[in-house]
Amino acid sequence: MLRRCEEAYVLSTRPLGEADLLVCLLTPEQGKVRAVAPSAKRSRRRFGAALEPLTRVRASWVEREGRDLARLESCDIVTSYVLAQRDPVMFYFFAYASEVAESFARENEPDPRFYRLIGAVLDAAAGGIPARGARRYLDLWTLRLQGLLPDLSACAACGKDPAKQEPGGAIMDLAEGALLCGACSSGGLRQGPRLSRKALAAARAALRHAPAEAGGPLGGTGLDGLDEMTGEAMLRFTERPLRTLRFLVEAGG
């Protein structure tokens, strides 16, 4: 039997039997952890509001050899985002962020950078950046940390900067994992999202700055091709559409 105690984000809860809840946590040192919260469905006294999705908690759990699920012993709230989620668009953004984290985090594999990303984006969203900017920032950095985002600095074939060479932007060939200028994409014959110069500049800036700085520009208009690029790249990993994305986009995020 192994006892662990870490800060974590509650990603989701699901009923398990008549009284328990299955809780999915994101931790910096253990990655994604699935644990049973005993009697949490029947009574809220033990865990209270700590099991609300995307609450930052101090969690203690027990792992037993030969069992896939840990046993959650306690959860103490560190940060609650309940007030931020009173805004309908932000409510859908937080639901989306939870689904992204649960889809891309690996079970029992430490990934402190991804953990910090989730925290930074949630804090920035609660601090007032647009939901659309927070969503785009989260998408770009999730892809980057998972090694799924091609290099955006130059054309993969000729090494030139498409933002300087091409008034129409660049082609993102996701099948090859390469950003291509117009000439190297065989005059636009290569398949993939076409990133406008503004979208390419905003994406590059997001990869250099914190979400509080990059979230505003990313929430703007004219970023043609950016959502298509990140959406297709994420779909290649998840192999299914993220169910919360449609609701978030329809709400304005």
Protein backbone atom coordinates (compact mmCIF):
# COMPACT_ATOMS: atom_id res chain seq x y z
CA MET A 1 0.00 0.00 0.00
CA LEU A 2 1.34 3.42 -1.04
CA ARG A 3 0.05 6.74 0.27
CA ARG A 4 0.38 9.86 -1.86
CA CYS A 5 -0.45 13.51 -1.27
CA GLU A 6 -0.27 16.15 -4.01
CA GLU A 7 -1.94 19.23 -5.34
CA ALA A 8 -4.27 18.29 -8.17
CA TYR A 9 -7.06 19.46 -10.43
CA VAL A 10 -10.32 17.56 -10.32
CA LEU A 11 -11.04 16.80 -13.98
CA SER A 12 -14.27 14.83 -13.68
CA THR A 13 -16.43 12.69 -11.44
CA ARG A 14 -18.69 9.80 -12.40
CA PRO A 15 -21.05 7.62 -10.34
CA LEU A 16 -19.60 4.31 -9.26
CA GLY A 17 -22.07 1.96 -7.67
CA GLU A 18 -24.73 3.24 -5.33
CA ALA A 19 -22.63 5.45 -3.09
CA ASP A 20 -19.18 6.10 -4.56
CA LEU A 21 -17.77 8.44 -7.18
CA LEU A 22 -14.99 7.74 -9.65
CA VAL A 23 -12.76 10.81 -9.62
CA CYS A 24 -10.19 11.72 -12.26
CA LEU A 25 -7.37 13.94 -11.00
CA LEU A 26 -4.54 15.71 -12.81
CA THR A 27 -1.37 15.88 -10.73
CA PRO A 28 2.11 17.23 -11.53
CA GLU A 29 4.06 14.17 -10.39
CA GLN A 30 1.68 11.27 -11.09
CA GLY A 31 -0.06 12.56 -14.21
CA LYS A 32 -3.66 11.44 -14.47
CA VAL A 33 -4.90 9.50 -11.47
CA ARG A 34 -8.24 7.69 -11.16
CA ALA A 35 -9.50 7.13 -7.65
CA VAL A 36 -12.66 6.03 -5.86
CA ALA A 37 -14.16 8.58 -3.50
CA PRO A 38 -16.06 6.36 -1.04
CA SER A 39 -19.60 7.43 -0.15
CA ALA A 40 -19.12 10.74 -1.99
CA LYS A 41 -22.29 10.23 -4.01
CA ARG A 42 -24.40 9.53 -0.95
CA SER A 43 -23.00 12.25 1.30
CA ARG A 44 -21.14 15.52 0.58
CA ARG A 45 -19.80 15.86 4.13
CA ARG A 46 -16.47 14.19 3.52
CA PHE A 47 -15.42 15.97 0.32
CA GLY A 48 -17.89 18.85 0.05
CA ALA A 49 -17.35 21.17 -2.91
CA ALA A 50 -13.79 19.93 -3.43
CA LEU A 51 -14.91 17.50 -6.13
CA GLU A 52 -16.36 20.18 -8.41
CA PRO A 53 -14.62 19.92 -11.82
CA LEU A 54 -11.39 21.92 -12.15
CA THR A 55 -11.17 22.77 -8.48
CA ARG A 56 -7.53 22.90 -7.42
CA VAL A 57 -7.20 20.70 -4.35
CA ARG A 58 -4.74 19.11 -2.00
CA ALA A 59 -5.56 15.44 -2.49
CA SER A 60 -4.51 12.39 -0.49
CA TRP A 61 -5.02 8.90 -1.84
CA VAL A 62 -3.94 5.32 -1.32
CA GLU A 63 -2.69 3.00 -4.05
CA ARG A 64 -2.87 -0.76 -3.57
CA GLU A 65 -0.85 -3.25 -5.56
CA GLY A 66 -2.82 -5.02 -8.24
CA ARG A 67 -5.65 -2.48 -8.29
CA ASP A 68 -6.21 -0.01 -11.11
CA LEU A 69 -8.12 2.48 -8.99
CA ALA A 70 -6.72 4.33 -5.99
CA ARG A 71 -8.79 5.19 -2.92
CA LEU A 72 -9.28 8.92 -2.34
CA GLU A 73 -8.85 9.73 1.34
CA SER A 74 -9.28 13.51 1.42
CA CYS A 75 -9.52 16.64 -0.76
CA ASP A 76 -8.96 20.15 0.55
CA ILE A 77 -9.75 23.12 -1.68
CA VAL A 78 -6.79 25.27 -2.71
CA THR A 79 -8.48 27.32 -5.44
CA SER A 80 -12.10 27.34 -6.57
CA TYR A 81 -13.21 28.74 -9.93
CA VAL A 82 -16.92 28.68 -9.18
CA LEU A 83 -17.33 32.46 -9.48
CA ALA A 84 -15.63 32.57 -12.90
CA GLN A 85 -17.93 29.85 -14.17
CA ARG A 86 -21.04 31.89 -13.46
CA ASP A 87 -20.45 33.45 -16.86
CA PRO A 88 -22.04 31.02 -19.37
CA VAL A 89 -19.18 31.24 -21.89
CA MET A 90 -16.61 30.64 -19.18
CA PHE A 91 -18.65 27.72 -17.88
CA TYR A 92 -18.29 26.03 -21.27
CA PHE A 93 -14.60 26.96 -21.44
CA PHE A 94 -13.89 25.30 -18.11
CA ALA A 95 -15.77 22.21 -19.27
CA TYR A 96 -13.67 22.20 -22.43
CA ALA A 97 -10.42 22.65 -20.50
CA SER A 98 -11.37 19.70 -18.31
CA GLU A 99 -11.99 17.51 -21.35
CA VAL A 100 -8.71 18.56 -22.99
CA ALA A 101 -6.77 17.78 -19.82
CA GLU A 102 -8.42 14.39 -19.39
CA SER A 103 -7.91 13.50 -23.07
CA PHE A 104 -4.22 14.47 -23.31
CA ALA A 105 -2.83 13.68 -19.85
CA ARG A 106 -1.29 10.23 -19.45
CA GLU A 107 -2.14 7.99 -16.56
CA ASN A 108 0.54 7.66 -13.88
CA GLU A 109 3.10 9.59 -15.95
CA PRO A 110 4.47 12.84 -14.50
CA ASP A 111 4.00 15.91 -16.70
CA PRO A 112 4.53 19.01 -14.56
CA ARG A 113 4.63 21.31 -17.61
CA PHE A 114 1.13 20.26 -18.70
CA TYR A 115 -0.08 20.64 -15.12
CA ARG A 116 1.33 24.20 -15.00
CA LEU A 117 -0.27 24.96 -18.36
CA ILE A 118 -3.72 24.01 -17.08
CA GLY A 119 -3.25 26.16 -13.99
CA ALA A 120 -1.95 29.17 -15.91
CA VAL A 121 -4.82 29.09 -18.41
CA LEU A 122 -7.48 28.65 -15.72
CA ASP A 123 -6.05 31.51 -13.68
CA ALA A 124 -5.91 33.76 -16.75
CA ALA A 125 -9.47 32.86 -17.74
CA ALA A 126 -10.70 33.61 -14.23
CA GLY A 127 -8.70 36.84 -14.41
CA GLY A 128 -10.64 38.09 -17.42
CA ILE A 129 -9.03 37.05 -20.71
CA PRO A 130 -11.57 36.15 -23.42
CA ALA A 131 -12.77 32.56 -23.43
CA ARG A 132 -11.87 32.25 -27.12
CA GLY A 133 -8.33 33.45 -26.41
CA ALA A 134 -7.99 31.04 -23.48
CA ARG A 135 -9.23 28.17 -25.64
CA ARG A 136 -6.81 28.92 -28.47
CA TYR A 137 -3.90 29.31 -26.07
CA LEU A 138 -4.73 26.00 -24.39
CA ASP A 139 -4.99 24.25 -27.77
CA LEU A 140 -1.66 25.57 -29.06
CA TRP A 141 0.29 24.77 -25.92
CA THR A 142 -1.32 21.37 -25.45
CA LEU A 143 -0.24 20.43 -28.97
CA ARG A 144 3.24 21.82 -28.38
CA LEU A 145 3.80 19.99 -25.09
CA GLN A 146 2.56 16.74 -26.63
CA GLY A 147 4.94 17.14 -29.59
CA LEU A 148 2.04 17.51 -32.03
CA LEU A 149 2.55 21.11 -33.16
CA PRO A 150 4.83 21.59 -36.17
CA ASP A 151 7.48 24.30 -36.08
CA LEU A 152 5.82 27.64 -36.88
CA SER A 153 8.99 29.70 -37.23
CA ALA A 154 9.75 29.01 -40.92
CA CYS A 155 8.83 27.00 -44.00
CA ALA A 156 9.95 23.42 -43.40
CA ALA A 157 11.14 23.11 -47.02
CA CYS A 158 12.98 26.34 -47.86
CA GLY A 159 13.53 27.87 -44.41
CA LYS A 160 11.96 31.22 -45.30
CA ASP A 161 9.38 32.97 -43.15
CA PRO A 162 5.97 32.64 -44.81
CA ALA A 163 4.70 35.66 -42.91
CA LYS A 164 7.24 37.78 -44.77
CA GLN A 165 7.17 35.98 -48.11
CA GLU A 166 3.49 35.21 -48.59
CA PRO A 167 0.65 37.76 -48.37
CA GLY A 168 -1.78 34.82 -48.11
CA GLY A 169 -0.01 33.18 -45.18
CA ALA A 170 1.10 29.54 -45.13
CA ILE A 171 -0.16 26.00 -45.56
CA MET A 172 -0.04 23.64 -42.56
CA ASP A 173 0.48 20.14 -43.90
CA LEU A 174 -0.54 18.11 -40.86
CA ALA A 175 0.03 14.78 -42.60
CA GLU A 176 3.72 15.67 -42.90
CA GLY A 177 3.82 17.82 -39.77
CA ALA A 178 5.19 20.78 -41.71
CA LEU A 179 4.51 24.48 -42.23
CA LEU A 180 4.96 25.39 -45.90
CA CYS A 181 5.08 28.65 -47.79
CA GLY A 182 3.03 29.06 -50.97
CA ALA A 183 5.86 28.11 -53.30
CA CYS A 184 6.83 24.98 -51.39
CA SER A 185 3.23 23.85 -51.10
CA SER A 186 3.18 23.40 -54.87
CA GLY A 187 1.23 26.59 -55.35
CA GLY A 188 -1.36 25.63 -52.75
CA LEU A 189 -1.90 22.10 -54.03
CA ARG A 190 -0.72 20.53 -50.76
CA GLN A 191 -3.65 19.81 -48.46
CA GLY A 192 -4.05 21.42 -45.05
CA PRO A 193 -5.34 24.49 -43.23
CA ARG A 194 -4.16 27.83 -44.63
CA LEU A 195 -2.96 30.10 -41.84
CA SER A 196 -3.33 33.83 -42.44
CA ARG A 197 -0.36 36.03 -41.64
CA LYS A 198 -2.26 37.41 -38.63
CA ALA A 199 -3.05 33.92 -37.36
CA LEU A 200 0.56 32.81 -37.76
CA ALA A 201 1.79 35.88 -35.87
CA ALA A 202 -0.73 35.37 -33.06
CA ALA A 203 0.19 31.70 -32.70
CA ARG A 204 3.89 32.51 -32.56
CA ALA A 205 3.28 35.18 -29.92
CA ALA A 206 1.22 32.75 -27.84
CA LEU A 207 4.14 30.34 -27.76
CA ARG A 208 6.38 33.09 -26.35
CA HIS A 209 4.10 34.67 -23.78
CA ALA A 210 1.95 33.80 -20.79
CA PRO A 211 -1.80 33.39 -21.35
CA ALA A 212 -2.62 36.68 -19.63
CA GLU A 213 -0.57 38.49 -22.31
CA ALA A 214 -1.46 36.37 -25.34
CA GLY A 215 -5.11 35.71 -24.54
CA GLY A 216 -6.37 39.08 -25.71
CA PRO A 217 -4.92 38.96 -29.25
CA LEU A 218 -5.86 35.29 -29.57
CA GLY A 219 -9.45 36.18 -28.78
CA GLY A 220 -9.70 38.51 -31.75
CA THR A 221 -10.94 38.04 -35.30
CA GLY A 222 -9.08 37.56 -38.56
CA LEU A 223 -7.11 34.54 -37.33
CA ASP A 224 -8.08 32.50 -40.36
CA GLY A 225 -7.03 28.87 -40.27
CA LEU A 226 -5.91 28.80 -36.64
CA ASP A 227 -8.91 26.92 -35.25
CA GLU A 228 -8.90 24.57 -38.23
CA MET A 229 -5.22 23.77 -37.70
CA THR A 230 -5.45 23.12 -33.95
CA GLY A 231 -8.75 21.25 -34.31
CA GLU A 232 -7.42 18.88 -36.95
CA ALA A 233 -4.16 18.33 -35.07
CA MET A 234 -5.99 17.51 -31.84
CA LEU A 235 -8.38 15.19 -33.66
CA ARG A 236 -5.43 13.20 -34.98
CA PHE A 237 -4.52 12.47 -31.35
CA THR A 238 -7.93 11.97 -29.75
CA GLU A 239 -9.46 10.20 -32.81
CA ARG A 240 -12.83 11.67 -31.84
CA PRO A 241 -14.18 15.23 -31.59
CA LEU A 242 -14.08 16.79 -28.15
CA ARG A 243 -17.77 16.87 -27.22
CA THR A 244 -17.57 20.17 -25.31
CA LEU A 245 -15.99 22.13 -28.17
CA ARG A 246 -19.20 22.65 -30.12
CA PHE A 247 -21.00 24.08 -27.08
CA LEU A 248 -18.09 26.41 -26.32
CA VAL A 249 -17.89 27.72 -29.89
CA GLU A 250 -21.66 28.18 -30.12
CA ALA A 251 -21.53 30.19 -26.87
CA GLY A 252 -18.87 32.50 -28.33
CA GLY A 253 -15.69 30.85 -27.11
